[in-house]
Amino acid sequence: MAKHSIVHVELSAADPKAAGKFYKDLFGWKIDYDDKMDYVQFSPEEGPGGGLPKVGEMMPAGAVLIHVSTDDIEASLAKAEKLGGRQLVPKTEIPGIGWFAVFSDPTGNQVGLYTAMARQ
């Protein structure tokens, strides 16, 4: 059974590359930039890592999205909906990495779910 830990945090950024440089210079985080997705992944020495997605419809300026681990995204989405939440993004594959989904809680907060792909 999943521990439902926070495993990934996203901070919206108008310019992900510049935001990555800012956090690297400020905190010394390891930064990886994906040109194709215009997405920065950051890794602090401790705690969950995260990303800097480009500001857009799903990630307006100032948005913060946490991702919680789960063994079964569909079951977690169904339970969230039963409790008054609403699915925003269905289970979606991150090629070679895992799957994610996003729901909103009854007050409108957005929360991501994440399941890692089994490593072989």
PDB file of N, CA and C in Angstrom:
ATOM      1  N   MET A   1       0.842  -1.184   0.000  1.00  0.00           N
ATOM      2  CA  MET A   1       0.000   0.000   0.000  1.00  0.00           C
ATOM      3  C   MET A   1       0.886   1.246   0.000  1.00  0.00           C
ATOM      4  N   ALA A   2       0.515   2.222  -0.791  1.00  0.00           N
ATOM      5  CA  ALA A   2       1.286   3.463  -0.892  1.00  0.00           C
ATOM      6  C   ALA A   2       1.241   4.227   0.424  1.00  0.00           C
ATOM      7  N   LYS A   3       2.307   4.939   0.701  1.00  0.00           N
ATOM      8  CA  LYS A   3       2.361   5.784   1.891  1.00  0.00           C
ATOM      9  C   LYS A   3       1.722   7.140   1.631  1.00  0.00           C
ATOM     10  N   HIS A   4       1.405   7.429   0.389  1.00  0.00           N
ATOM     11  CA  HIS A   4       0.814   8.697  -0.026  1.00  0.00           C
ATOM     12  C   HIS A   4       1.672   9.886   0.407  1.00  0.00           C
ATOM     13  N   SER A   5       2.963   9.771   0.136  1.00  0.00           N
ATOM     14  CA  SER A   5       3.923  10.837   0.432  1.00  0.00           C
ATOM     15  C   SER A   5       3.915  11.881  -0.675  1.00  0.00           C
ATOM     16  N   ILE A   6       4.276  13.106  -0.326  1.00  0.00           N
ATOM     17  CA  ILE A   6       4.477  14.134  -1.346  1.00  0.00           C
ATOM     18  C   ILE A   6       5.797  13.791  -2.035  1.00  0.00           C
ATOM     19  N   VAL A   7       5.746  13.595  -3.353  1.00  0.00           N
ATOM     20  CA  VAL A   7       6.925  13.136  -4.087  1.00  0.00           C
ATOM     21  C   VAL A   7       7.426  14.130  -5.132  1.00  0.00           C
ATOM     22  N   HIS A   8       6.644  15.162  -5.444  1.00  0.00           N
ATOM     23  CA  HIS A   8       7.022  16.086  -6.514  1.00  0.00           C
ATOM     24  C   HIS A   8       6.238  17.373  -6.306  1.00  0.00           C
ATOM     25  N   VAL A   9       6.885  18.511  -6.489  1.00  0.00           N
ATOM     26  CA  VAL A   9       6.246  19.818  -6.329  1.00  0.00           C
ATOM     27  C   VAL A   9       6.515  20.625  -7.594  1.00  0.00           C
ATOM     28  N   GLU A  10       5.477  21.263  -8.138  1.00  0.00           N
ATOM     29  CA  GLU A  10       5.654  22.094  -9.324  1.00  0.00           C
ATOM     30  C   GLU A  10       5.309  23.544  -9.002  1.00  0.00           C
ATOM     31  N   LEU A  11       6.170  24.443  -9.454  1.00  0.00           N
ATOM     32  CA  LEU A  11       5.984  25.884  -9.311  1.00  0.00           C
ATOM     33  C   LEU A  11       5.890  26.465 -10.713  1.00  0.00           C
ATOM     34  N   SER A  12       4.794  27.137 -11.038  1.00  0.00           N
ATOM     35  CA  SER A  12       4.650  27.673 -12.389  1.00  0.00           C
ATOM     36  C   SER A  12       5.706  28.749 -12.649  1.00  0.00           C
ATOM     37  N   ALA A  13       6.125  28.848 -13.906  1.00  0.00           N
ATOM     38  CA  ALA A  13       7.168  29.810 -14.276  1.00  0.00           C
ATOM     39  C   ALA A  13       6.901  30.353 -15.677  1.00  0.00           C
ATOM     40  N   ALA A  14       6.946  31.677 -15.825  1.00  0.00           N
ATOM     41  CA  ALA A  14       6.786  32.280 -17.142  1.00  0.00           C
ATOM     42  C   ALA A  14       7.933  31.859 -18.056  1.00  0.00           C
ATOM     43  N   ASP A  15       9.128  31.728 -17.493  1.00  0.00           N
ATOM     44  CA  ASP A  15      10.320  31.314 -18.227  1.00  0.00           C
ATOM     45  C   ASP A  15      10.999  30.215 -17.403  1.00  0.00           C
ATOM     46  N   PRO A  16      10.655  28.934 -17.659  1.00  0.00           N
ATOM     47  CA  PRO A  16      11.188  27.846 -16.852  1.00  0.00           C
ATOM     48  C   PRO A  16      12.722  27.813 -16.782  1.00  0.00           C
ATOM     49  N   LYS A  17      13.381  28.101 -17.892  1.00  0.00           N
ATOM     50  CA  LYS A  17      14.845  28.067 -17.914  1.00  0.00           C
ATOM     51  C   LYS A  17      15.427  29.134 -16.967  1.00  0.00           C
ATOM     52  N   ALA A  18      14.895  30.348 -17.016  1.00  0.00           N
ATOM     53  CA  ALA A  18      15.365  31.418 -16.136  1.00  0.00           C
ATOM     54  C   ALA A  18      15.031  31.100 -14.679  1.00  0.00           C
ATOM     55  N   ALA A  19      13.841  30.532 -14.435  1.00  0.00           N
ATOM     56  CA  ALA A  19      13.464  30.156 -13.073  1.00  0.00           C
ATOM     57  C   ALA A  19      14.395  29.071 -12.541  1.00  0.00           C
ATOM     58  N   GLY A  20      14.760  28.116 -13.399  1.00  0.00           N
ATOM     59  CA  GLY A  20      15.701  27.074 -12.996  1.00  0.00           C
ATOM     60  C   GLY A  20      17.040  27.660 -12.585  1.00  0.00           C
ATOM     61  N   LYS A  21      17.530  28.621 -13.354  1.00  0.00           N
ATOM     62  CA  LYS A  21      18.806  29.272 -13.023  1.00  0.00           C
ATOM     63  C   LYS A  21      18.685  30.000 -11.687  1.00  0.00           C
ATOM     64  N   PHE A  22      17.559  30.666 -11.470  1.00  0.00           N
ATOM     65  CA  PHE A  22      17.329  31.376 -10.210  1.00  0.00           C
ATOM     66  C   PHE A  22      17.452  30.413  -9.028  1.00  0.00           C
ATOM     67  N   TYR A  23      16.748  29.265  -9.086  1.00  0.00           N
ATOM     68  CA  TYR A  23      16.761  28.324  -7.960  1.00  0.00           C
ATOM     69  C   TYR A  23      18.106  27.614  -7.827  1.00  0.00           C
ATOM     70  N   LYS A  24      18.780  27.391  -8.939  1.00  0.00           N
ATOM     71  CA  LYS A  24      20.121  26.815  -8.870  1.00  0.00           C
ATOM     72  C   LYS A  24      21.064  27.781  -8.154  1.00  0.00           C
ATOM     73  N   ASP A  25      21.016  29.050  -8.563  1.00  0.00           N
ATOM     74  CA  ASP A  25      21.891  30.057  -7.952  1.00  0.00           C
ATOM     75  C   ASP A  25      21.515  30.317  -6.491  1.00  0.00           C
ATOM     76  N   LEU A  26      20.222  30.298  -6.186  1.00  0.00           N
ATOM     77  CA  LEU A  26      19.758  30.591  -4.834  1.00  0.00           C
ATOM     78  C   LEU A  26      20.020  29.442  -3.861  1.00  0.00           C
ATOM     79  N   PHE A  27      19.644  28.226  -4.254  1.00  0.00           N
ATOM     80  CA  PHE A  27      19.692  27.086  -3.334  1.00  0.00           C
ATOM     81  C   PHE A  27      20.728  26.022  -3.699  1.00  0.00           C
ATOM     82  N   GLY A  28      21.341  26.124  -4.877  1.00  0.00           N
ATOM     83  CA  GLY A  28      22.301  25.107  -5.306  1.00  0.00           C
ATOM     84  C   GLY A  28      21.649  23.824  -5.787  1.00  0.00           C
ATOM     85  N   TRP A  29      20.355  23.886  -6.140  1.00  0.00           N
ATOM     86  CA  TRP A  29      19.657  22.697  -6.622  1.00  0.00           C
ATOM     87  C   TRP A  29      20.215  22.253  -7.967  1.00  0.00           C
ATOM     88  N   LYS A  30      20.215  20.945  -8.192  1.00  0.00           N
ATOM     89  CA  LYS A  30      20.572  20.388  -9.499  1.00  0.00           C
ATOM     90  C   LYS A  30      19.389  20.686 -10.429  1.00  0.00           C
ATOM     91  N   ILE A  31      19.687  21.176 -11.628  1.00  0.00           N
ATOM     92  CA  ILE A  31      18.657  21.567 -12.589  1.00  0.00           C
ATOM     93  C   ILE A  31      18.857  20.800 -13.893  1.00  0.00           C
ATOM     94  N   ASP A  32      17.758  20.235 -14.411  1.00  0.00           N
ATOM     95  CA  ASP A  32      17.764  19.572 -15.715  1.00  0.00           C
ATOM     96  C   ASP A  32      16.680  20.224 -16.565  1.00  0.00           C
ATOM     97  N   TYR A  33      17.069  20.711 -17.755  1.00  0.00           N
ATOM     98  CA  TYR A  33      16.128  21.392 -18.635  1.00  0.00           C
ATOM     99  C   TYR A  33      15.775  20.505 -19.818  1.00  0.00           C
ATOM    100  N   ASP A  34      14.487  20.369 -20.099  1.00  0.00           N
ATOM    101  CA  ASP A  34      13.989  19.603 -21.241  1.00  0.00           C
ATOM    102  C   ASP A  34      13.482  20.595 -22.282  1.00  0.00           C
ATOM    103  N   ASP A  35      14.286  20.812 -23.342  1.00  0.00           N
ATOM    104  CA  ASP A  35      13.917  21.762 -24.400  1.00  0.00           C
ATOM    105  C   ASP A  35      12.584  21.412 -25.049  1.00  0.00           C
ATOM    106  N   LYS A  36      12.375  20.123 -25.301  1.00  0.00           N
ATOM    107  CA  LYS A  36      11.183  19.681 -26.013  1.00  0.00           C
ATOM    108  C   LYS A  36       9.907  20.048 -25.252  1.00  0.00           C
ATOM    109  N   MET A  37       9.941  19.915 -23.928  1.00  0.00           N
ATOM    110  CA  MET A  37       8.755  20.206 -23.116  1.00  0.00           C
ATOM    111  C   MET A  37       8.799  21.595 -22.476  1.00  0.00           C
ATOM    112  N   ASP A  38       9.915  22.326 -22.650  1.00  0.00           N
ATOM    113  CA  ASP A  38      10.125  23.621 -21.998  1.00  0.00           C
ATOM    114  C   ASP A  38       9.812  23.470 -20.507  1.00  0.00           C
ATOM    115  N   TYR A  39      10.490  22.499 -19.892  1.00  0.00           N
ATOM    116  CA  TYR A  39      10.233  22.108 -18.506  1.00  0.00           C
ATOM    117  C   TYR A  39      11.556  21.921 -17.788  1.00  0.00           C
ATOM    118  N   VAL A  40      11.631  22.443 -16.589  1.00  0.00           N
ATOM    119  CA  VAL A  40      12.823  22.287 -15.761  1.00  0.00           C
ATOM    120  C   VAL A  40      12.492  21.343 -14.616  1.00  0.00           C
ATOM    121  N   GLN A  41      13.354  20.385 -14.373  1.00  0.00           N
ATOM    122  CA  GLN A  41      13.233  19.504 -13.223  1.00  0.00           C
ATOM    123  C   GLN A  41      14.316  19.913 -12.234  1.00  0.00           C
ATOM    124  N   PHE A  42      13.957  20.063 -10.948  1.00  0.00           N
ATOM    125  CA  PHE A  42      14.951  20.420  -9.937  1.00  0.00           C
ATOM    126  C   PHE A  42      15.067  19.322  -8.892  1.00  0.00           C
ATOM    127  N   SER A  43      16.278  19.191  -8.342  1.00  0.00           N
ATOM    128  CA  SER A  43      16.552  18.178  -7.327  1.00  0.00           C
ATOM    129  C   SER A  43      17.338  18.808  -6.185  1.00  0.00           C
ATOM    130  N   PRO A  44      16.686  18.991  -5.031  1.00  0.00           N
ATOM    131  CA  PRO A  44      17.427  19.464  -3.870  1.00  0.00           C
ATOM    132  C   PRO A  44      18.211  18.299  -3.261  1.00  0.00           C
ATOM    133  N   GLU A  45      19.097  18.583  -2.320  1.00  0.00           N
ATOM    134  CA  GLU A  45      19.850  17.512  -1.681  1.00  0.00           C
ATOM    135  C   GLU A  45      18.954  16.600  -0.861  1.00  0.00           C
ATOM    136  N   GLU A  46      17.894  17.137  -0.260  1.00  0.00           N
ATOM    137  CA  GLU A  46      16.964  16.350   0.548  1.00  0.00           C
ATOM    138  C   GLU A  46      15.535  16.719   0.189  1.00  0.00           C
ATOM    139  N   GLY A  47      14.619  15.834   0.497  1.00  0.00           N
ATOM    140  CA  GLY A  47      13.205  16.088   0.270  1.00  0.00           C
ATOM    141  C   GLY A  47      12.808  15.848  -1.173  1.00  0.00           C
ATOM    142  N   PRO A  48      11.516  16.057  -1.444  1.00  0.00           N
ATOM    143  CA  PRO A  48      11.062  15.811  -2.813  1.00  0.00           C
ATOM    144  C   PRO A  48      11.616  16.833  -3.788  1.00  0.00           C
ATOM    145  N   GLY A  49      11.827  16.398  -4.994  1.00  0.00           N
ATOM    146  CA  GLY A  49      12.206  17.305  -6.069  1.00  0.00           C
ATOM    147  C   GLY A  49      10.954  17.843  -6.712  1.00  0.00           C
ATOM    148  N   GLY A  50      11.140  18.457  -7.858  1.00  0.00           N
ATOM    149  CA  GLY A  50       9.978  19.005  -8.519  1.00  0.00           C
ATOM    150  C   GLY A  50      10.291  19.553  -9.884  1.00  0.00           C
ATOM    151  N   GLY A  51       9.397  20.381 -10.357  1.00  0.00           N
ATOM    152  CA  GLY A  51       9.559  20.930 -11.684  1.00  0.00           C
ATOM    153  C   GLY A  51       9.047  22.350 -11.776  1.00  0.00           C
ATOM    154  N   LEU A  52       9.406  22.984 -12.875  1.00  0.00           N
ATOM    155  CA  LEU A  52       9.009  24.347 -13.176  1.00  0.00           C
ATOM    156  C   LEU A  52       8.328  24.353 -14.543  1.00  0.00           C
ATOM    157  N   PRO A  53       7.013  24.051 -14.573  1.00  0.00           N
ATOM    158  CA  PRO A  53       6.299  24.071 -15.846  1.00  0.00           C
ATOM    159  C   PRO A  53       5.996  25.494 -16.275  1.00  0.00           C
ATOM    160  N   LYS A  54       5.847  25.677 -17.572  1.00  0.00           N
ATOM    161  CA  LYS A  54       5.531  26.991 -18.130  1.00  0.00           C
ATOM    162  C   LYS A  54       4.118  27.402 -17.706  1.00  0.00           C
ATOM    163  N   VAL A  55       3.962  28.669 -17.374  1.00  0.00           N
ATOM    164  CA  VAL A  55       2.657  29.213 -17.022  1.00  0.00           C
ATOM    165  C   VAL A  55       1.697  28.941 -18.175  1.00  0.00           C
ATOM    166  N   GLY A  56       0.496  28.480 -17.857  1.00  0.00           N
ATOM    167  CA  GLY A  56      -0.508  28.179 -18.874  1.00  0.00           C
ATOM    168  C   GLY A  56      -1.861  27.984 -18.213  1.00  0.00           C
ATOM    169  N   GLU A  57      -2.789  27.440 -18.973  1.00  0.00           N
ATOM    170  CA  GLU A  57      -4.157  27.269 -18.486  1.00  0.00           C
ATOM    171  C   GLU A  57      -4.214  26.423 -17.220  1.00  0.00           C
ATOM    172  N   MET A  58      -3.486  25.307 -17.197  1.00  0.00           N
ATOM    173  CA  MET A  58      -3.504  24.427 -16.027  1.00  0.00           C
ATOM    174  C   MET A  58      -2.584  24.911 -14.910  1.00  0.00           C
ATOM    175  N   MET A  59      -1.613  25.747 -15.230  1.00  0.00           N
ATOM    176  CA  MET A  59      -0.658  26.244 -14.234  1.00  0.00           C
ATOM    177  C   MET A  59      -0.540  27.756 -14.354  1.00  0.00           C
ATOM    178  N   PRO A  60      -1.527  28.507 -13.842  1.00  0.00           N
ATOM    179  CA  PRO A  60      -1.436  29.967 -13.923  1.00  0.00           C
ATOM    180  C   PRO A  60      -0.277  30.490 -13.082  1.00  0.00           C
ATOM    181  N   ALA A  61       0.111  31.726 -13.309  1.00  0.00           N
ATOM    182  CA  ALA A  61       1.195  32.341 -12.543  1.00  0.00           C
ATOM    183  C   ALA A  61       0.898  32.218 -11.059  1.00  0.00           C
ATOM    184  N   GLY A  62       1.905  31.811 -10.297  1.00  0.00           N
ATOM    185  CA  GLY A  62       1.767  31.665  -8.857  1.00  0.00           C
ATOM    186  C   GLY A  62       1.231  30.323  -8.407  1.00  0.00           C
ATOM    187  N   ALA A  63       0.909  29.437  -9.337  1.00  0.00           N
ATOM    188  CA  ALA A  63       0.350  28.130  -8.977  1.00  0.00           C
ATOM    189  C   ALA A  63       1.426  27.210  -8.417  1.00  0.00           C
ATOM    190  N   VAL A  64       1.027  26.422  -7.432  1.00  0.00           N
ATOM    191  CA  VAL A  64       1.872  25.378  -6.860  1.00  0.00           C
ATOM    192  C   VAL A  64       1.060  24.092  -6.911  1.00  0.00           C
ATOM    193  N   LEU A  65       1.651  23.036  -7.432  1.00  0.00           N
ATOM    194  CA  LEU A  65       0.971  21.745  -7.544  1.00  0.00           C
ATOM    195  C   LEU A  65       1.820  20.688  -6.866  1.00  0.00           C
ATOM    196  N   ILE A  66       1.257  20.031  -5.851  1.00  0.00           N
ATOM    197  CA  ILE A  66       1.981  18.920  -5.232  1.00  0.00           C
ATOM    198  C   ILE A  66       1.497  17.624  -5.865  1.00  0.00           C
ATOM    199  N   HIS A  67       2.390  16.637  -5.920  1.00  0.00           N
ATOM    200  CA  HIS A  67       2.046  15.310  -6.431  1.00  0.00           C
ATOM    201  C   HIS A  67       2.243  14.316  -5.296  1.00  0.00           C
ATOM    202  N   VAL A  68       1.228  13.486  -5.075  1.00  0.00           N
ATOM    203  CA  VAL A  68       1.220  12.506  -4.007  1.00  0.00           C
ATOM    204  C   VAL A  68       1.352  11.119  -4.616  1.00  0.00           C
ATOM    205  N   SER A  69       2.197  10.272  -4.020  1.00  0.00           N
ATOM    206  CA  SER A  69       2.382   8.923  -4.544  1.00  0.00           C
ATOM    207  C   SER A  69       1.163   8.060  -4.250  1.00  0.00           C
ATOM    208  N   THR A  70       0.868   7.161  -5.163  1.00  0.00           N
ATOM    209  CA  THR A  70      -0.210   6.197  -4.990  1.00  0.00           C
ATOM    210  C   THR A  70       0.121   4.945  -5.794  1.00  0.00           C
ATOM    211  N   ASP A  71      -0.333   3.801  -5.306  1.00  0.00           N
ATOM    212  CA  ASP A  71      -0.140   2.544  -6.039  1.00  0.00           C
ATOM    213  C   ASP A  71      -1.183   2.368  -7.136  1.00  0.00           C
ATOM    214  N   ASP A  72      -2.300   3.097  -7.054  1.00  0.00           N
ATOM    215  CA  ASP A  72      -3.407   2.908  -7.987  1.00  0.00           C
ATOM    216  C   ASP A  72      -4.065   4.262  -8.267  1.00  0.00           C
ATOM    217  N   ILE A  73      -3.638   4.902  -9.338  1.00  0.00           N
ATOM    218  CA  ILE A  73      -4.161   6.227  -9.684  1.00  0.00           C
ATOM    219  C   ILE A  73      -5.666   6.198  -9.904  1.00  0.00           C
ATOM    220  N   GLU A  74      -6.159   5.214 -10.644  1.00  0.00           N
ATOM    221  CA  GLU A  74      -7.599   5.162 -10.917  1.00  0.00           C
ATOM    222  C   GLU A  74      -8.410   5.054  -9.631  1.00  0.00           C
ATOM    223  N   ALA A  75      -7.968   4.200  -8.705  1.00  0.00           N
ATOM    224  CA  ALA A  75      -8.689   4.045  -7.430  1.00  0.00           C
ATOM    225  C   ALA A  75      -8.629   5.336  -6.620  1.00  0.00           C
ATOM    226  N   SER A  76      -7.480   6.009  -6.618  1.00  0.00           N
ATOM    227  CA  SER A  76      -7.360   7.263  -5.880  1.00  0.00           C
ATOM    228  C   SER A  76      -8.246   8.345  -6.490  1.00  0.00           C
ATOM    229  N   LEU A  77      -8.302   8.418  -7.834  1.00  0.00           N
ATOM    230  CA  LEU A  77      -9.191   9.378  -8.494  1.00  0.00           C
ATOM    231  C   LEU A  77     -10.646   9.093  -8.164  1.00  0.00           C
ATOM    232  N   ALA A  78     -11.025   7.812  -8.211  1.00  0.00           N
ATOM    233  CA  ALA A  78     -12.410   7.432  -7.915  1.00  0.00           C
ATOM    234  C   ALA A  78     -12.768   7.804  -6.476  1.00  0.00           C
ATOM    235  N   LYS A  79     -11.855   7.574  -5.548  1.00  0.00           N
ATOM    236  CA  LYS A  79     -12.123   7.917  -4.149  1.00  0.00           C
ATOM    237  C   LYS A  79     -12.224   9.430  -3.977  1.00  0.00           C
ATOM    238  N   ALA A  80     -11.352  10.185  -4.643  1.00  0.00           N
ATOM    239  CA  ALA A  80     -11.416  11.646  -4.570  1.00  0.00           C
ATOM    240  C   ALA A  80     -12.772  12.144  -5.072  1.00  0.00           C
ATOM    241  N   GLU A  81     -13.243  11.570  -6.192  1.00  0.00           N
ATOM    242  CA  GLU A  81     -14.535  11.978  -6.744  1.00  0.00           C
ATOM    243  C   GLU A  81     -15.682  11.609  -5.800  1.00  0.00           C
ATOM    244  N   LYS A  82     -15.611  10.428  -5.187  1.00  0.00           N
ATOM    245  CA  LYS A  82     -16.635   9.988  -4.237  1.00  0.00           C
ATOM    246  C   LYS A  82     -16.704  10.942  -3.043  1.00  0.00           C
ATOM    247  N   LEU A  83     -15.561  11.532  -2.681  1.00  0.00           N
ATOM    248  CA  LEU A  83     -15.495  12.438  -1.539  1.00  0.00           C
ATOM    249  C   LEU A  83     -15.761  13.899  -1.919  1.00  0.00           C
ATOM    250  N   GLY A  84     -16.134  14.138  -3.189  1.00  0.00           N
ATOM    251  CA  GLY A  84     -16.489  15.492  -3.612  1.00  0.00           C
ATOM    252  C   GLY A  84     -15.458  16.188  -4.482  1.00  0.00           C
ATOM    253  N   GLY A  85     -14.371  15.491  -4.817  1.00  0.00           N
ATOM    254  CA  GLY A  85     -13.358  16.052  -5.709  1.00  0.00           C
ATOM    255  C   GLY A  85     -13.772  15.900  -7.163  1.00  0.00           C
ATOM    256  N   ARG A  86     -12.929  16.421  -8.059  1.00  0.00           N
ATOM    257  CA  ARG A  86     -13.231  16.356  -9.498  1.00  0.00           C
ATOM    258  C   ARG A  86     -11.951  16.075 -10.270  1.00  0.00           C
ATOM    259  N   GLN A  87     -11.999  15.087 -11.150  1.00  0.00           N
ATOM    260  CA  GLN A  87     -10.846  14.769 -11.992  1.00  0.00           C
ATOM    261  C   GLN A  87     -10.626  15.887 -12.991  1.00  0.00           C
ATOM    262  N   LEU A  88      -9.369  16.352 -13.095  1.00  0.00           N
ATOM    263  CA  LEU A  88      -9.019  17.390 -14.059  1.00  0.00           C
ATOM    264  C   LEU A  88      -8.174  16.837 -15.199  1.00  0.00           C
ATOM    265  N   VAL A  89      -7.239  15.942 -14.869  1.00  0.00           N
ATOM    266  CA  VAL A  89      -6.387  15.292 -15.871  1.00  0.00           C
ATOM    267  C   VAL A  89      -6.431  13.800 -15.571  1.00  0.00           C
ATOM    268  N   PRO A  90      -6.844  12.979 -16.543  1.00  0.00           N
ATOM    269  CA  PRO A  90      -6.889  11.537 -16.304  1.00  0.00           C
ATOM    270  C   PRO A  90      -5.483  10.949 -16.201  1.00  0.00           C
ATOM    271  N   LYS A  91      -5.410   9.695 -15.814  1.00  0.00           N
ATOM    272  CA  LYS A  91      -4.125   9.004 -15.748  1.00  0.00           C
ATOM    273  C   LYS A  91      -3.421   9.159 -17.091  1.00  0.00           C
ATOM    274  N   THR A  92      -2.201   9.694 -17.039  1.00  0.00           N
ATOM    275  CA  THR A  92      -1.427  10.011 -18.234  1.00  0.00           C
ATOM    276  C   THR A  92      -0.011   9.485 -18.057  1.00  0.00           C
ATOM    277  N   GLU A  93       0.510   8.826 -19.077  1.00  0.00           N
ATOM    278  CA  GLU A  93       1.863   8.279 -18.983  1.00  0.00           C
ATOM    279  C   GLU A  93       2.917   9.360 -19.175  1.00  0.00           C
ATOM    280  N   ILE A  94       3.957   9.278 -18.364  1.00  0.00           N
ATOM    281  CA  ILE A  94       5.181  10.051 -18.556  1.00  0.00           C
ATOM    282  C   ILE A  94       6.169   9.017 -19.099  1.00  0.00           C
ATOM    283  N   PRO A  95       6.409   8.992 -20.409  1.00  0.00           N
ATOM    284  CA  PRO A  95       7.179   7.905 -21.021  1.00  0.00           C
ATOM    285  C   PRO A  95       8.498   7.590 -20.296  1.00  0.00           C
ATOM    286  N   GLY A  96       8.629   6.321 -19.940  1.00  0.00           N
ATOM    287  CA  GLY A  96       9.840   5.833 -19.303  1.00  0.00           C
ATOM    288  C   GLY A  96       9.975   6.195 -17.830  1.00  0.00           C
ATOM    289  N   ILE A  97       8.979   6.898 -17.263  1.00  0.00           N
ATOM    290  CA  ILE A  97       9.092   7.357 -15.878  1.00  0.00           C
ATOM    291  C   ILE A  97       7.947   6.852 -15.005  1.00  0.00           C
ATOM    292  N   GLY A  98       6.708   7.030 -15.461  1.00  0.00           N
ATOM    293  CA  GLY A  98       5.556   6.620 -14.660  1.00  0.00           C
ATOM    294  C   GLY A  98       4.273   7.223 -15.191  1.00  0.00           C
ATOM    295  N   TRP A  99       3.323   7.482 -14.298  1.00  0.00           N
ATOM    296  CA  TRP A  99       2.025   8.033 -14.666  1.00  0.00           C
ATOM    297  C   TRP A  99       1.632   9.106 -13.675  1.00  0.00           C
ATOM    298  N   PHE A 100       0.801  10.056 -14.137  1.00  0.00           N
ATOM    299  CA  PHE A 100       0.281  11.078 -13.242  1.00  0.00           C
ATOM    300  C   PHE A 100      -1.171  11.363 -13.598  1.00  0.00           C
ATOM    301  N   ALA A 101      -1.857  12.011 -12.698  1.00  0.00           N
ATOM    302  CA  ALA A 101      -3.216  12.503 -12.907  1.00  0.00           C
ATOM    303  C   ALA A 101      -3.359  13.728 -12.005  1.00  0.00           C
ATOM    304  N   VAL A 102      -4.394  14.534 -12.251  1.00  0.00           N
ATOM    305  CA  VAL A 102      -4.635  15.711 -11.416  1.00  0.00           C
ATOM    306  C   VAL A 102      -6.129  15.769 -11.102  1.00  0.00           C
ATOM    307  N   PHE A 103      -6.426  16.083  -9.837  1.00  0.00           N
ATOM    308  CA  PHE A 103      -7.810  16.296  -9.433  1.00  0.00           C
ATOM    309  C   PHE A 103      -7.889  17.588  -8.625  1.00  0.00           C
ATOM    310  N   SER A 104      -9.123  18.084  -8.447  1.00  0.00           N
ATOM    311  CA  SER A 104      -9.320  19.212  -7.538  1.00  0.00           C
ATOM    312  C   SER A 104     -10.107  18.704  -6.340  1.00  0.00           C
ATOM    313  N   ASP A 105      -9.776  19.234  -5.169  1.00  0.00           N
ATOM    314  CA  ASP A 105     -10.524  18.862  -3.970  1.00  0.00           C
ATOM    315  C   ASP A 105     -11.806  19.694  -3.922  1.00  0.00           C
ATOM    316  N   PRO A 106     -12.684  19.436  -2.963  1.00  0.00           N
ATOM    317  CA  PRO A 106     -13.960  20.162  -2.929  1.00  0.00           C
ATOM    318  C   PRO A 106     -13.823  21.688  -2.801  1.00  0.00           C
ATOM    319  N   THR A 107     -12.669  22.185  -2.340  1.00  0.00           N
ATOM    320  CA  THR A 107     -12.502  23.635  -2.235  1.00  0.00           C
ATOM    321  C   THR A 107     -11.781  24.228  -3.438  1.00  0.00           C
ATOM    322  N   GLY A 108     -11.406  23.392  -4.411  1.00  0.00           N
ATOM    323  CA  GLY A 108     -10.785  23.888  -5.632  1.00  0.00           C
ATOM    324  C   GLY A 108      -9.273  23.745  -5.713  1.00  0.00           C
ATOM    325  N   ASN A 109      -8.622  23.258  -4.647  1.00  0.00           N
ATOM    326  CA  ASN A 109      -7.175  23.039  -4.717  1.00  0.00           C
ATOM    327  C   ASN A 109      -6.867  21.901  -5.681  1.00  0.00           C
ATOM    328  N   GLN A 110      -5.838  22.086  -6.499  1.00  0.00           N
ATOM    329  CA  GLN A 110      -5.428  21.034  -7.426  1.00  0.00           C
ATOM    330  C   GLN A 110      -4.325  20.200  -6.790  1.00  0.00           C
ATOM    331  N   VAL A 111      -4.436  18.874  -6.957  1.00  0.00           N
ATOM    332  CA  VAL A 111      -3.456  17.931  -6.406  1.00  0.00           C
ATOM    333  C   VAL A 111      -3.138  16.904  -7.481  1.00  0.00           C
ATOM    334  N   GLY A 112      -1.871  16.600  -7.642  1.00  0.00           N
ATOM    335  CA  GLY A 112      -1.449  15.576  -8.591  1.00  0.00           C
ATOM    336  C   GLY A 112      -1.279  14.237  -7.899  1.00  0.00           C
ATOM    337  N   LEU A 113      -1.465  13.172  -8.647  1.00  0.00           N
ATOM    338  CA  LEU A 113      -1.188  11.811  -8.197  1.00  0.00           C
ATOM    339  C   LEU A 113      -0.065  11.285  -9.057  1.00  0.00           C
ATOM    340  N   TYR A 114       0.771  10.412  -8.503  1.00  0.00           N
ATOM    341  CA  TYR A 114       1.916   9.899  -9.252  1.00  0.00           C
ATOM    342  C   TYR A 114       2.179   8.449  -8.883  1.00  0.00           C
ATOM    343  N   THR A 115       2.433   7.637  -9.916  1.00  0.00           N
ATOM    344  CA  THR A 115       2.859   6.253  -9.755  1.00  0.00           C
ATOM    345  C   THR A 115       4.119   6.068 -10.608  1.00  0.00           C
ATOM    346  N   ALA A 116       5.184   5.617  -9.973  1.00  0.00           N
ATOM    347  CA  ALA A 116       6.440   5.387 -10.696  1.00  0.00           C
ATOM    348  C   ALA A 116       6.340   4.098 -11.505  1.00  0.00           C
ATOM    349  N   MET A 117       7.034   4.079 -12.633  1.00  0.00           N
ATOM    350  CA  MET A 117       7.148   2.888 -13.456  1.00  0.00           C
ATOM    351  C   MET A 117       8.120   1.941 -12.747  1.00  0.00           C
ATOM    352  N   ALA A 118       7.797   0.667 -12.758  1.00  0.00           N
ATOM    353  CA  ALA A 118       8.675  -0.324 -12.123  1.00  0.00           C
ATOM    354  C   ALA A 118      10.033  -0.315 -12.816  1.00  0.00           C
ATOM    355  N   ARG A 119      11.087  -0.229 -12.031  1.00  0.00           N
ATOM    356  CA  ARG A 119      12.459  -0.245 -12.562  1.00  0.00           C
ATOM    357  C   ARG A 119      12.900  -1.686 -12.748  1.00  0.00           C
ATOM    358  N   GLN A 120      13.557  -1.941 -13.878  1.00  0.00           N
ATOM    359  CA  GLN A 120      13.987  -3.320 -14.151  1.00  0.00           C
ATOM    360  C   GLN A 120      15.468  -3.444 -14.081  1.00  0.00           C
TER     361      GLN A 120
END
